[in-house]
PDB file of N, CA and C in Angstrom:
ATOM      1  N   UNK A   1    -107.019  23.588 -34.682  1.00  0.00           N
ATOM      2  CA  UNK A   1    -106.948  23.518 -33.259  1.00  0.00           C
ATOM      3  C   UNK A   1    -106.498  22.161 -32.750  1.00  0.00           C
ATOM      4  N   UNK A   2    -106.863  21.119 -33.446  1.00  0.00           N
ATOM      5  CA  UNK A   2    -106.521  19.772 -33.015  1.00  0.00           C
ATOM      6  C   UNK A   2    -105.025  19.537 -33.006  1.00  0.00           C
ATOM      7  N   UNK A   3    -104.344  20.190 -33.950  1.00  0.00           N
ATOM      8  CA  UNK A   3    -102.895  20.019 -34.039  1.00  0.00           C
ATOM      9  C   UNK A   3    -102.216  20.748 -32.887  1.00  0.00           C
ATOM     10  N   UNK A   4    -102.676  21.900 -32.527  1.00  0.00           N
ATOM     11  CA  UNK A   4    -102.037  22.640 -31.443  1.00  0.00           C
ATOM     12  C   UNK A   4    -102.255  21.948 -30.095  1.00  0.00           C
ATOM     13  N   UNK A   5    -103.403  21.290 -29.914  1.00  0.00           N
ATOM     14  CA  UNK A   5    -103.624  20.537 -28.664  1.00  0.00           C
ATOM     15  C   UNK A   5    -102.691  19.344 -28.620  1.00  0.00           C
ATOM     16  N   UNK A   6    -102.550  18.681 -29.744  1.00  0.00           N
ATOM     17  CA  UNK A   6    -101.661  17.524 -29.801  1.00  0.00           C
ATOM     18  C   UNK A   6    -100.207  17.963 -29.613  1.00  0.00           C
ATOM     19  N   UNK A   7     -99.836  19.085 -30.148  1.00  0.00           N
ATOM     20  CA  UNK A   7     -98.470  19.600 -29.981  1.00  0.00           C
ATOM     21  C   UNK A   7     -98.229  19.986 -28.534  1.00  0.00           C
ATOM     22  N   UNK A   8     -99.250  20.608 -27.898  1.00  0.00           N
ATOM     23  CA  UNK A   8     -99.117  20.989 -26.487  1.00  0.00           C
ATOM     24  C   UNK A   8     -99.027  19.746 -25.612  1.00  0.00           C
ATOM     25  N   UNK A   9     -99.825  18.730 -25.949  1.00  0.00           N
ATOM     26  CA  UNK A   9     -99.794  17.474 -25.181  1.00  0.00           C
ATOM     27  C   UNK A   9     -98.439  16.792 -25.346  1.00  0.00           C
ATOM     28  N   UNK A  10     -97.915  16.820 -26.569  1.00  0.00           N
ATOM     29  CA  UNK A  10     -96.609  16.205 -26.824  1.00  0.00           C
ATOM     30  C   UNK A  10     -95.513  16.972 -26.095  1.00  0.00           C
ATOM     31  N   UNK A  11     -95.604  18.295 -26.097  1.00  0.00           N
ATOM     32  CA  UNK A  11     -94.595  19.111 -25.405  1.00  0.00           C
ATOM     33  C   UNK A  11     -94.664  18.878 -23.901  1.00  0.00           C
ATOM     34  N   UNK A  12     -95.895  18.785 -23.380  1.00  0.00           N
ATOM     35  CA  UNK A  12     -96.073  18.520 -21.954  1.00  0.00           C
ATOM     36  C   UNK A  12     -95.534  17.144 -21.602  1.00  0.00           C
ATOM     37  N   UNK A  13     -95.815  16.174 -22.431  1.00  0.00           N
ATOM     38  CA  UNK A  13     -95.330  14.806 -22.204  1.00  0.00           C
ATOM     39  C   UNK A  13     -93.805  14.760 -22.244  1.00  0.00           C
ATOM     40  N   UNK A  14     -93.216  15.459 -23.170  1.00  0.00           N
ATOM     41  CA  UNK A  14     -91.756  15.511 -23.277  1.00  0.00           C
ATOM     42  C   UNK A  14     -91.151  16.215 -22.070  1.00  0.00           C
ATOM     43  N   UNK A  15     -91.750  17.316 -21.650  1.00  0.00           N
ATOM     44  CA  UNK A  15     -91.247  18.046 -20.485  1.00  0.00           C
ATOM     45  C   UNK A  15     -91.339  17.184 -19.230  1.00  0.00           C
ATOM     46  N   UNK A  16     -92.460  16.466 -19.098  1.00  0.00           N
ATOM     47  CA  UNK A  16     -92.609  15.595 -17.931  1.00  0.00           C
ATOM     48  C   UNK A  16     -91.589  14.460 -17.969  1.00  0.00           C
ATOM     49  N   UNK A  17     -91.339  13.923 -19.124  1.00  0.00           N
ATOM     50  CA  UNK A  17     -90.352  12.847 -19.266  1.00  0.00           C
ATOM     51  C   UNK A  17     -88.959  13.345 -18.860  1.00  0.00           C
ATOM     52  N   UNK A  18     -88.634  14.561 -19.287  1.00  0.00           N
ATOM     53  CA  UNK A  18     -87.332  15.132 -18.936  1.00  0.00           C
ATOM     54  C   UNK A  18     -87.245  15.351 -17.422  1.00  0.00           C
ATOM     55  N   UNK A  19     -88.308  15.950 -16.866  1.00  0.00           N
ATOM     56  CA  UNK A  19     -88.347  16.204 -15.429  1.00  0.00           C
ATOM     57  C   UNK A  19     -88.252  14.898 -14.646  1.00  0.00           C
ATOM     58  N   UNK A  20     -89.021  13.914 -15.071  1.00  0.00           N
ATOM     59  CA  UNK A  20     -89.029  12.622 -14.389  1.00  0.00           C
ATOM     60  C   UNK A  20     -87.658  11.950 -14.474  1.00  0.00           C
ATOM     61  N   UNK A  21     -87.033  12.050 -15.640  1.00  0.00           N
ATOM     62  CA  UNK A  21     -85.696  11.456 -15.808  1.00  0.00           C
ATOM     63  C   UNK A  21     -84.660  12.136 -14.935  1.00  0.00           C
ATOM     64  N   UNK A  22     -84.719  13.468 -14.849  1.00  0.00           N
ATOM     65  CA  UNK A  22     -83.769  14.185 -13.997  1.00  0.00           C
ATOM     66  C   UNK A  22     -83.987  13.863 -12.518  1.00  0.00           C
ATOM     67  N   UNK A  23     -85.260  13.764 -12.145  1.00  0.00           N
ATOM     68  CA  UNK A  23     -85.580  13.425 -10.752  1.00  0.00           C
ATOM     69  C   UNK A  23     -85.062  12.023 -10.421  1.00  0.00           C
ATOM     70  N   UNK A  24     -85.268  11.098 -11.315  1.00  0.00           N
ATOM     71  CA  UNK A  24     -84.795   9.734 -11.103  1.00  0.00           C
ATOM     72  C   UNK A  24     -83.267   9.705 -11.034  1.00  0.00           C
ATOM     73  N   UNK A  25     -82.601  10.491 -11.854  1.00  0.00           N
ATOM     74  CA  UNK A  25     -81.139  10.542 -11.838  1.00  0.00           C
ATOM     75  C   UNK A  25     -80.634  11.089 -10.507  1.00  0.00           C
ATOM     76  N   UNK A  26     -81.289  12.152  -9.994  1.00  0.00           N
ATOM     77  CA  UNK A  26     -80.895  12.705  -8.691  1.00  0.00           C
ATOM     78  C   UNK A  26     -81.079  11.677  -7.579  1.00  0.00           C
ATOM     79  N   UNK A  27     -82.189  10.947  -7.634  1.00  0.00           N
ATOM     80  CA  UNK A  27     -82.427   9.914  -6.623  1.00  0.00           C
ATOM     81  C   UNK A  27     -81.379   8.809  -6.707  1.00  0.00           C
ATOM     82  N   UNK A  28     -81.007   8.460  -7.914  1.00  0.00           N
ATOM     83  CA  UNK A  28     -79.998   7.415  -8.105  1.00  0.00           C
ATOM     84  C   UNK A  28     -78.644   7.888  -7.587  1.00  0.00           C
ATOM     85  N   UNK A  29     -78.269   9.142  -7.860  1.00  0.00           N
ATOM     86  CA  UNK A  29     -77.009   9.688  -7.363  1.00  0.00           C
ATOM     87  C   UNK A  29     -77.002   9.733  -5.833  1.00  0.00           C
ATOM     88  N   UNK A  30     -78.143  10.148  -5.260  1.00  0.00           N
ATOM     89  CA  UNK A  30     -78.247  10.182  -3.808  1.00  0.00           C
ATOM     90  C   UNK A  30     -78.120   8.775  -3.231  1.00  0.00           C
ATOM     91  N   UNK A  31     -78.735   7.817  -3.880  1.00  0.00           N
ATOM     92  CA  UNK A  31     -78.656   6.428  -3.436  1.00  0.00           C
ATOM     93  C   UNK A  31     -77.216   5.906  -3.501  1.00  0.00           C
ATOM     94  N   UNK A  32     -76.503   6.252  -4.574  1.00  0.00           N
ATOM     95  CA  UNK A  32     -75.107   5.826  -4.709  1.00  0.00           C
ATOM     96  C   UNK A  32     -74.226   6.464  -3.635  1.00  0.00           C
ATOM     97  N   UNK A  33     -74.492   7.745  -3.325  1.00  0.00           N
ATOM     98  CA  UNK A  33     -73.727   8.406  -2.268  1.00  0.00           C
ATOM     99  C   UNK A  33     -73.973   7.746  -0.923  1.00  0.00           C
ATOM    100  N   UNK A  34     -75.231   7.415  -0.650  1.00  0.00           N
ATOM    101  CA  UNK A  34     -75.556   6.747   0.616  1.00  0.00           C
ATOM    102  C   UNK A  34     -74.916   5.366   0.674  1.00  0.00           C
ATOM    103  N   UNK A  35     -74.893   4.676  -0.439  1.00  0.00           N
ATOM    104  CA  UNK A  35     -74.282   3.351  -0.486  1.00  0.00           C
ATOM    105  C   UNK A  35     -72.778   3.449  -0.279  1.00  0.00           C
ATOM    106  N   UNK A  36     -72.141   4.456  -0.865  1.00  0.00           N
ATOM    107  CA  UNK A  36     -70.699   4.638  -0.683  1.00  0.00           C
ATOM    108  C   UNK A  36     -70.385   4.952   0.769  1.00  0.00           C
ATOM    109  N   UNK A  37     -71.219   5.774   1.406  1.00  0.00           N
ATOM    110  CA  UNK A  37     -71.009   6.101   2.812  1.00  0.00           C
ATOM    111  C   UNK A  37     -71.198   4.860   3.683  1.00  0.00           C
ATOM    112  N   UNK A  38     -72.205   4.066   3.373  1.00  0.00           N
ATOM    113  CA  UNK A  38     -72.442   2.830   4.120  1.00  0.00           C
ATOM    114  C   UNK A  38     -71.268   1.864   3.947  1.00  0.00           C
ATOM    115  N   UNK A  39     -70.710   1.807   2.740  1.00  0.00           N
ATOM    116  CA  UNK A  39     -69.551   0.940   2.495  1.00  0.00           C
ATOM    117  C   UNK A  39     -68.343   1.391   3.309  1.00  0.00           C
ATOM    118  N   UNK A  40     -68.131   2.710   3.404  1.00  0.00           N
ATOM    119  CA  UNK A  40     -67.018   3.227   4.199  1.00  0.00           C
ATOM    120  C   UNK A  40     -67.191   2.872   5.665  1.00  0.00           C
ATOM    121  N   UNK A  41     -68.422   3.022   6.164  1.00  0.00           N
ATOM    122  CA  UNK A  41     -68.685   2.679   7.570  1.00  0.00           C
ATOM    123  C   UNK A  41     -68.476   1.191   7.817  1.00  0.00           C
ATOM    124  N   UNK A  42     -68.931   0.371   6.893  1.00  0.00           N
ATOM    125  CA  UNK A  42     -68.762  -1.075   7.037  1.00  0.00           C
ATOM    126  C   UNK A  42     -67.291  -1.455   7.003  1.00  0.00           C
ATOM    127  N   UNK A  43     -66.533  -0.809   6.133  1.00  0.00           N
ATOM    128  CA  UNK A  43     -65.102  -1.091   6.051  1.00  0.00           C
ATOM    129  C   UNK A  43     -64.395  -0.673   7.340  1.00  0.00           C
ATOM    130  N   UNK A  44     -64.754   0.489   7.875  1.00  0.00           N
ATOM    131  CA  UNK A  44     -64.161   0.950   9.130  1.00  0.00           C
ATOM    132  C   UNK A  44     -64.510  -0.001  10.270  1.00  0.00           C
ATOM    133  N   UNK A  45     -65.744  -0.478  10.302  1.00  0.00           N
ATOM    134  CA  UNK A  45     -66.148  -1.423  11.342  1.00  0.00           C
ATOM    135  C   UNK A  45     -65.389  -2.739  11.201  1.00  0.00           C
ATOM    136  N   UNK A  46     -65.189  -3.179   9.968  1.00  0.00           N
ATOM    137  CA  UNK A  46     -64.444  -4.428   9.744  1.00  0.00           C
ATOM    138  C   UNK A  46     -62.994  -4.280  10.183  1.00  0.00           C
ATOM    139  N   UNK A  47     -62.373  -3.144   9.884  1.00  0.00           N
ATOM    140  CA  UNK A  47     -60.990  -2.915  10.311  1.00  0.00           C
ATOM    141  C   UNK A  47     -60.888  -2.867  11.832  1.00  0.00           C
ATOM    142  N   UNK A  48     -61.862  -2.228  12.462  1.00  0.00           N
ATOM    143  CA  UNK A  48     -61.879  -2.157  13.924  1.00  0.00           C
ATOM    144  C   UNK A  48     -62.027  -3.560  14.523  1.00  0.00           C
ATOM    145  N   UNK A  49     -62.894  -4.367  13.943  1.00  0.00           N
ATOM    146  CA  UNK A  49     -63.095  -5.733  14.420  1.00  0.00           C
ATOM    147  C   UNK A  49     -61.830  -6.563  14.222  1.00  0.00           C
ATOM    148  N   UNK A  50     -61.164  -6.379  13.088  1.00  0.00           N
ATOM    149  CA  UNK A  50     -59.931  -7.123  12.815  1.00  0.00           C
ATOM    150  C   UNK A  50     -58.846  -6.751  13.826  1.00  0.00           C
ATOM    151  N   UNK A  51     -58.728  -5.464  14.104  1.00  0.00           N
ATOM    152  CA  UNK A  51     -57.736  -5.009  15.076  1.00  0.00           C
ATOM    153  C   UNK A  51     -58.037  -5.573  16.457  1.00  0.00           C
ATOM    154  N   UNK A  52     -59.301  -5.558  16.826  1.00  0.00           N
ATOM    155  CA  UNK A  52     -59.703  -6.093  18.126  1.00  0.00           C
ATOM    156  C   UNK A  52     -59.393  -7.588  18.201  1.00  0.00           C
ATOM    157  N   UNK A  53     -59.660  -8.302  17.124  1.00  0.00           N
ATOM    158  CA  UNK A  53     -59.380  -9.737  17.093  1.00  0.00           C
ATOM    159  C   UNK A  53     -57.880 -10.006  17.227  1.00  0.00           C
ATOM    160  N   UNK A  54     -57.071  -9.209  16.527  1.00  0.00           N
ATOM    161  CA  UNK A  54     -55.619  -9.387  16.625  1.00  0.00           C
ATOM    162  C   UNK A  54     -55.128  -9.111  18.043  1.00  0.00           C
ATOM    163  N   UNK A  55     -55.681  -8.083  18.687  1.00  0.00           N
ATOM    164  CA  UNK A  55     -55.287  -7.785  20.062  1.00  0.00           C
ATOM    165  C   UNK A  55     -55.683  -8.914  20.997  1.00  0.00           C
ATOM    166  N   UNK A  56     -56.861  -9.486  20.783  1.00  0.00           N
ATOM    167  CA  UNK A  56     -57.303 -10.603  21.619  1.00  0.00           C
ATOM    168  C   UNK A  56     -56.412 -11.824  21.423  1.00  0.00           C
ATOM    169  N   UNK A  57     -56.016 -12.060  20.190  1.00  0.00           N
ATOM    170  CA  UNK A  57     -55.135 -13.201  19.910  1.00  0.00           C
ATOM    171  C   UNK A  57     -53.777 -12.989  20.565  1.00  0.00           C
ATOM    172  N   UNK A  58     -53.235 -11.754  20.453  1.00  0.00           N
ATOM    173  CA  UNK A  58     -51.949 -11.469  21.091  1.00  0.00           C
ATOM    174  C   UNK A  58     -52.044 -11.616  22.599  1.00  0.00           C
ATOM    175  N   UNK A  59     -53.143 -11.166  23.174  1.00  0.00           N
ATOM    176  CA  UNK A  59     -53.314 -11.274  24.623  1.00  0.00           C
ATOM    177  C   UNK A  59     -53.393 -12.739  25.033  1.00  0.00           C
ATOM    178  N   UNK A  60     -54.030 -13.557  24.228  1.00  0.00           N
ATOM    179  CA  UNK A  60     -54.147 -14.974  24.550  1.00  0.00           C
ATOM    180  C   UNK A  60     -52.820 -15.704  24.385  1.00  0.00           C
ATOM    181  N   UNK A  61     -51.990 -15.236  23.477  1.00  0.00           N
ATOM    182  CA  UNK A  61     -50.724 -15.908  23.194  1.00  0.00           C
ATOM    183  C   UNK A  61     -49.539 -15.337  23.965  1.00  0.00           C
ATOM    184  N   UNK A  62     -49.805 -14.403  24.866  1.00  0.00           N
ATOM    185  CA  UNK A  62     -48.691 -13.835  25.626  1.00  0.00           C
ATOM    186  C   UNK A  62     -47.950 -14.935  26.362  1.00  0.00           C
ATOM    187  N   UNK A  63     -46.668 -14.825  26.320  1.00  0.00           N
ATOM    188  CA  UNK A  63     -45.850 -15.818  26.989  1.00  0.00           C
ATOM    189  C   UNK A  63     -45.572 -15.384  28.417  1.00  0.00           C
ATOM    190  N   UNK A  64     -45.638 -16.338  29.305  1.00  0.00           N
ATOM    191  CA  UNK A  64     -45.335 -16.072  30.703  1.00  0.00           C
ATOM    192  C   UNK A  64     -43.964 -16.669  31.013  1.00  0.00           C
ATOM    193  N   UNK A  65     -43.295 -16.058  31.977  1.00  0.00           N
ATOM    194  CA  UNK A  65     -41.968 -16.536  32.365  1.00  0.00           C
ATOM    195  C   UNK A  65     -42.086 -17.917  33.001  1.00  0.00           C
ATOM    196  N   UNK A  66     -41.158 -18.789  32.650  1.00  0.00           N
ATOM    197  CA  UNK A  66     -41.105 -20.126  33.242  1.00  0.00           C
ATOM    198  C   UNK A  66     -40.266 -20.037  34.511  1.00  0.00           C
ATOM    199  N   UNK A  67     -40.935 -19.768  35.617  1.00  0.00           N
ATOM    200  CA  UNK A  67     -40.249 -19.526  36.881  1.00  0.00           C
ATOM    201  C   UNK A  67     -39.465 -20.755  37.325  1.00  0.00           C
ATOM    202  N   UNK A  68     -40.026 -21.923  37.142  1.00  0.00           N
ATOM    203  CA  UNK A  68     -39.326 -23.138  37.573  1.00  0.00           C
ATOM    204  C   UNK A  68     -38.023 -23.324  36.798  1.00  0.00           C
ATOM    205  N   UNK A  69     -38.011 -23.000  35.507  1.00  0.00           N
ATOM    206  CA  UNK A  69     -36.784 -23.124  34.723  1.00  0.00           C
ATOM    207  C   UNK A  69     -35.752 -22.094  35.174  1.00  0.00           C
ATOM    208  N   UNK A  70     -36.194 -20.892  35.530  1.00  0.00           N
ATOM    209  CA  UNK A  70     -35.272 -19.863  35.996  1.00  0.00           C
ATOM    210  C   UNK A  70     -34.630 -20.283  37.322  1.00  0.00           C
ATOM    211  N   UNK A  71     -35.441 -20.805  38.236  1.00  0.00           N
ATOM    212  CA  UNK A  71     -34.903 -21.263  39.526  1.00  0.00           C
ATOM    213  C   UNK A  71     -33.958 -22.447  39.343  1.00  0.00           C
ATOM    214  N   UNK A  72     -34.288 -23.359  38.447  1.00  0.00           N
ATOM    215  CA  UNK A  72     -33.414 -24.501  38.183  1.00  0.00           C
ATOM    216  C   UNK A  72     -32.081 -24.044  37.609  1.00  0.00           C
ATOM    217  N   UNK A  73     -32.123 -23.059  36.717  1.00  0.00           N
ATOM    218  CA  UNK A  73     -30.889 -22.542  36.141  1.00  0.00           C
ATOM    219  C   UNK A  73     -30.044 -21.853  37.208  1.00  0.00           C
ATOM    220  N   UNK A  74     -30.674 -21.148  38.128  1.00  0.00           N
ATOM    221  CA  UNK A  74     -29.934 -20.479  39.203  1.00  0.00           C
ATOM    222  C   UNK A  74     -29.280 -21.499  40.120  1.00  0.00           C
ATOM    223  N   UNK A  75     -29.938 -22.602  40.366  1.00  0.00           N
ATOM    224  CA  UNK A  75     -29.364 -23.643  41.226  1.00  0.00           C
ATOM    225  C   UNK A  75     -28.215 -24.350  40.525  1.00  0.00           C
ATOM    226  N   UNK A  76     -28.308 -24.501  39.224  1.00  0.00           N
ATOM    227  CA  UNK A  76     -27.246 -25.152  38.467  1.00  0.00           C
ATOM    228  C   UNK A  76     -25.970 -24.319  38.448  1.00  0.00           C
ATOM    229  N   UNK A  77     -26.071 -23.005  38.543  1.00  0.00           N
ATOM    230  CA  UNK A  77     -24.892 -22.147  38.475  1.00  0.00           C
ATOM    231  C   UNK A  77     -24.323 -21.832  39.854  1.00  0.00           C
ATOM    232  N   UNK A  78     -24.812 -22.477  40.868  1.00  0.00           N
ATOM    233  CA  UNK A  78     -24.249 -22.263  42.188  1.00  0.00           C
ATOM    234  C   UNK A  78     -25.169 -21.506  43.117  1.00  0.00           C
ATOM    235  N   UNK A  79     -26.348 -21.178  42.685  1.00  0.00           N
ATOM    236  CA  UNK A  79     -27.304 -20.533  43.573  1.00  0.00           C
ATOM    237  C   UNK A  79     -27.448 -19.061  43.276  1.00  0.00           C
ATOM    238  N   UNK A  80     -28.507 -18.490  43.826  1.00  0.00           N
ATOM    239  CA  UNK A  80     -28.809 -17.093  43.573  1.00  0.00           C
ATOM    240  C   UNK A  80     -27.898 -16.153  44.353  1.00  0.00           C
ATOM    241  N   UNK A  81     -27.258 -16.655  45.445  1.00  0.00           N
ATOM    242  CA  UNK A  81     -26.412 -15.782  46.267  1.00  0.00           C
ATOM    243  C   UNK A  81     -25.006 -15.627  45.697  1.00  0.00           C
ATOM    244  N   UNK A  82     -24.679 -16.358  44.681  1.00  0.00           N
ATOM    245  CA  UNK A  82     -23.350 -16.297  44.085  1.00  0.00           C
ATOM    246  C   UNK A  82     -23.304 -15.157  43.062  1.00  0.00           C
ATOM    247  N   UNK A  83     -22.223 -14.418  43.072  1.00  0.00           N
ATOM    248  CA  UNK A  83     -22.025 -13.381  42.064  1.00  0.00           C
ATOM    249  C   UNK A  83     -20.743 -13.670  41.305  1.00  0.00           C
ATOM    250  N   UNK A  84     -20.551 -13.011  40.202  1.00  0.00           N
ATOM    251  CA  UNK A  84     -19.346 -13.222  39.410  1.00  0.00           C
ATOM    252  C   UNK A  84     -18.117 -12.593  40.068  1.00  0.00           C
ATOM    253  N   UNK A  85     -18.309 -11.575  40.892  1.00  0.00           N
ATOM    254  CA  UNK A  85     -17.180 -10.879  41.487  1.00  0.00           C
ATOM    255  C   UNK A  85     -16.644 -11.547  42.759  1.00  0.00           C
ATOM    256  N   UNK A  86     -17.519 -12.077  43.571  1.00  0.00           N
ATOM    257  CA  UNK A  86     -17.085 -12.599  44.866  1.00  0.00           C
ATOM    258  C   UNK A  86     -17.035 -14.101  44.942  1.00  0.00           C
ATOM    259  N   UNK A  87     -17.770 -14.797  44.130  1.00  0.00           N
ATOM    260  CA  UNK A  87     -17.807 -16.239  44.222  1.00  0.00           C
ATOM    261  C   UNK A  87     -18.753 -16.674  45.327  1.00  0.00           C
ATOM    262  N   UNK A  88     -18.872 -17.967  45.577  1.00  0.00           N
ATOM    263  CA  UNK A  88     -19.852 -18.458  46.540  1.00  0.00           C
ATOM    264  C   UNK A  88     -19.473 -18.181  47.998  1.00  0.00           C
ATOM    265  N   UNK A  89     -18.223 -17.913  48.274  1.00  0.00           N
ATOM    266  CA  UNK A  89     -17.789 -17.738  49.666  1.00  0.00           C
ATOM    267  C   UNK A  89     -17.789 -16.266  50.096  1.00  0.00           C
ATOM    268  N   UNK A  90     -17.988 -15.342  49.191  1.00  0.00           N
ATOM    269  CA  UNK A  90     -17.966 -13.937  49.550  1.00  0.00           C
ATOM    270  C   UNK A  90     -16.540 -13.402  49.529  1.00  0.00           C
ATOM    271  N   UNK A  91     -16.301 -12.300  50.250  1.00  0.00           N
ATOM    272  CA  UNK A  91     -14.990 -11.650  50.276  1.00  0.00           C
ATOM    273  C   UNK A  91     -14.340 -11.901  51.632  1.00  0.00           C
ATOM    274  N   UNK A  92     -13.076 -12.219  51.582  1.00  0.00           N
ATOM    275  CA  UNK A  92     -12.299 -12.397  52.818  1.00  0.00           C
ATOM    276  C   UNK A  92     -12.042 -11.012  53.421  1.00  0.00           C
ATOM    277  N   UNK A  93     -12.482 -10.766  54.662  1.00  0.00           N
ATOM    278  CA  UNK A  93     -12.282  -9.449  55.278  1.00  0.00           C
ATOM    279  C   UNK A  93     -10.816  -9.044  55.372  1.00  0.00           C
ATOM    280  N   UNK A  94      -9.906  -9.975  55.438  1.00  0.00           N
ATOM    281  CA  UNK A  94      -8.476  -9.656  55.522  1.00  0.00           C
ATOM    282  C   UNK A  94      -7.964  -9.013  54.232  1.00  0.00           C
ATOM    283  N   UNK A  95      -8.603  -9.307  53.141  1.00  0.00           N
ATOM    284  CA  UNK A  95      -8.180  -8.709  51.880  1.00  0.00           C
ATOM    285  C   UNK A  95      -8.579  -7.240  51.789  1.00  0.00           C
ATOM    286  N   UNK A  96      -9.538  -6.821  52.604  1.00  0.00           N
ATOM    287  CA  UNK A  96      -9.978  -5.441  52.566  1.00  0.00           C
ATOM    288  C   UNK A  96      -9.112  -4.518  53.418  1.00  0.00           C
ATOM    289  N   UNK A  97      -8.351  -5.084  54.323  1.00  0.00           N
ATOM    290  CA  UNK A  97      -7.528  -4.264  55.213  1.00  0.00           C
ATOM    291  C   UNK A  97      -6.364  -3.675  54.419  1.00  0.00           C
ATOM    292  N   UNK A  98      -6.160  -2.374  54.588  1.00  0.00           N
ATOM    293  CA  UNK A  98      -5.092  -1.695  53.858  1.00  0.00           C
ATOM    294  C   UNK A  98      -3.883  -1.488  54.794  1.00  0.00           C
ATOM    295  N   UNK A  99      -3.357  -2.564  55.227  1.00  0.00           N
ATOM    296  CA  UNK A  99      -2.197  -2.492  56.099  1.00  0.00           C
ATOM    297  C   UNK A  99      -2.554  -2.399  57.578  1.00  0.00           C
ATOM    298  N   UNK A 100      -3.768  -2.376  57.936  1.00  0.00           N
ATOM    299  CA  UNK A 100      -4.219  -2.314  59.336  1.00  0.00           C
ATOM    300  C   UNK A 100      -5.188  -3.459  59.585  1.00  0.00           C
ATOM    301  N   UNK A 101      -5.653  -3.579  60.782  1.00  0.00           N
ATOM    302  CA  UNK A 101      -6.573  -4.654  61.138  1.00  0.00           C
ATOM    303  C   UNK A 101      -8.037  -4.287  60.912  1.00  0.00           C
ATOM    304  N   UNK A 102      -8.340  -3.088  60.539  1.00  0.00           N
ATOM    305  CA  UNK A 102      -9.735  -2.712  60.346  1.00  0.00           C
ATOM    306  C   UNK A 102     -10.107  -2.818  58.876  1.00  0.00           C
ATOM    307  N   UNK A 103     -11.390  -2.900  58.626  1.00  0.00           N
ATOM    308  CA  UNK A 103     -11.856  -3.013  57.242  1.00  0.00           C
ATOM    309  C   UNK A 103     -11.637  -1.736  56.445  1.00  0.00           C
ATOM    310  N   UNK A 104     -11.666  -0.574  57.143  1.00  0.00           N
ATOM    311  CA  UNK A 104     -11.514   0.686  56.438  1.00  0.00           C
ATOM    312  C   UNK A 104     -10.053   1.116  56.336  1.00  0.00           C
ATOM    313  N   UNK A 105      -9.173   0.400  56.933  1.00  0.00           N
ATOM    314  CA  UNK A 105      -7.755   0.696  56.826  1.00  0.00           C
ATOM    315  C   UNK A 105      -7.300   1.830  57.713  1.00  0.00           C
ATOM    316  N   UNK A 106      -8.084   2.190  58.703  1.00  0.00           N
ATOM    317  CA  UNK A 106      -7.686   3.300  59.566  1.00  0.00           C
ATOM    318  C   UNK A 106      -6.937   2.826  60.784  1.00  0.00           C
TER     319      UNK A 106
END
């Protein structure tokens, strides 16, 4: 009888060891899955933060038009009222007359 009790105790101990090992393995796998999910979330948050930082930097570095330089350039070329077609004096009304004294040639 002593041998069968010892064999039963050994079998029970072995079964518990197997059960305990499988349970621990499942917990470890679950922990690894949770860690992988947390890593993905952290990576997504880091990418979002990086994008936000880049947008803030671009917004801070936006260039504004140098209005004073534009006005100075316009004055250097003869003023804003001058065009390439008419020149600074405009069009002579006599050149528009088509053989008559009116602008429309009628």
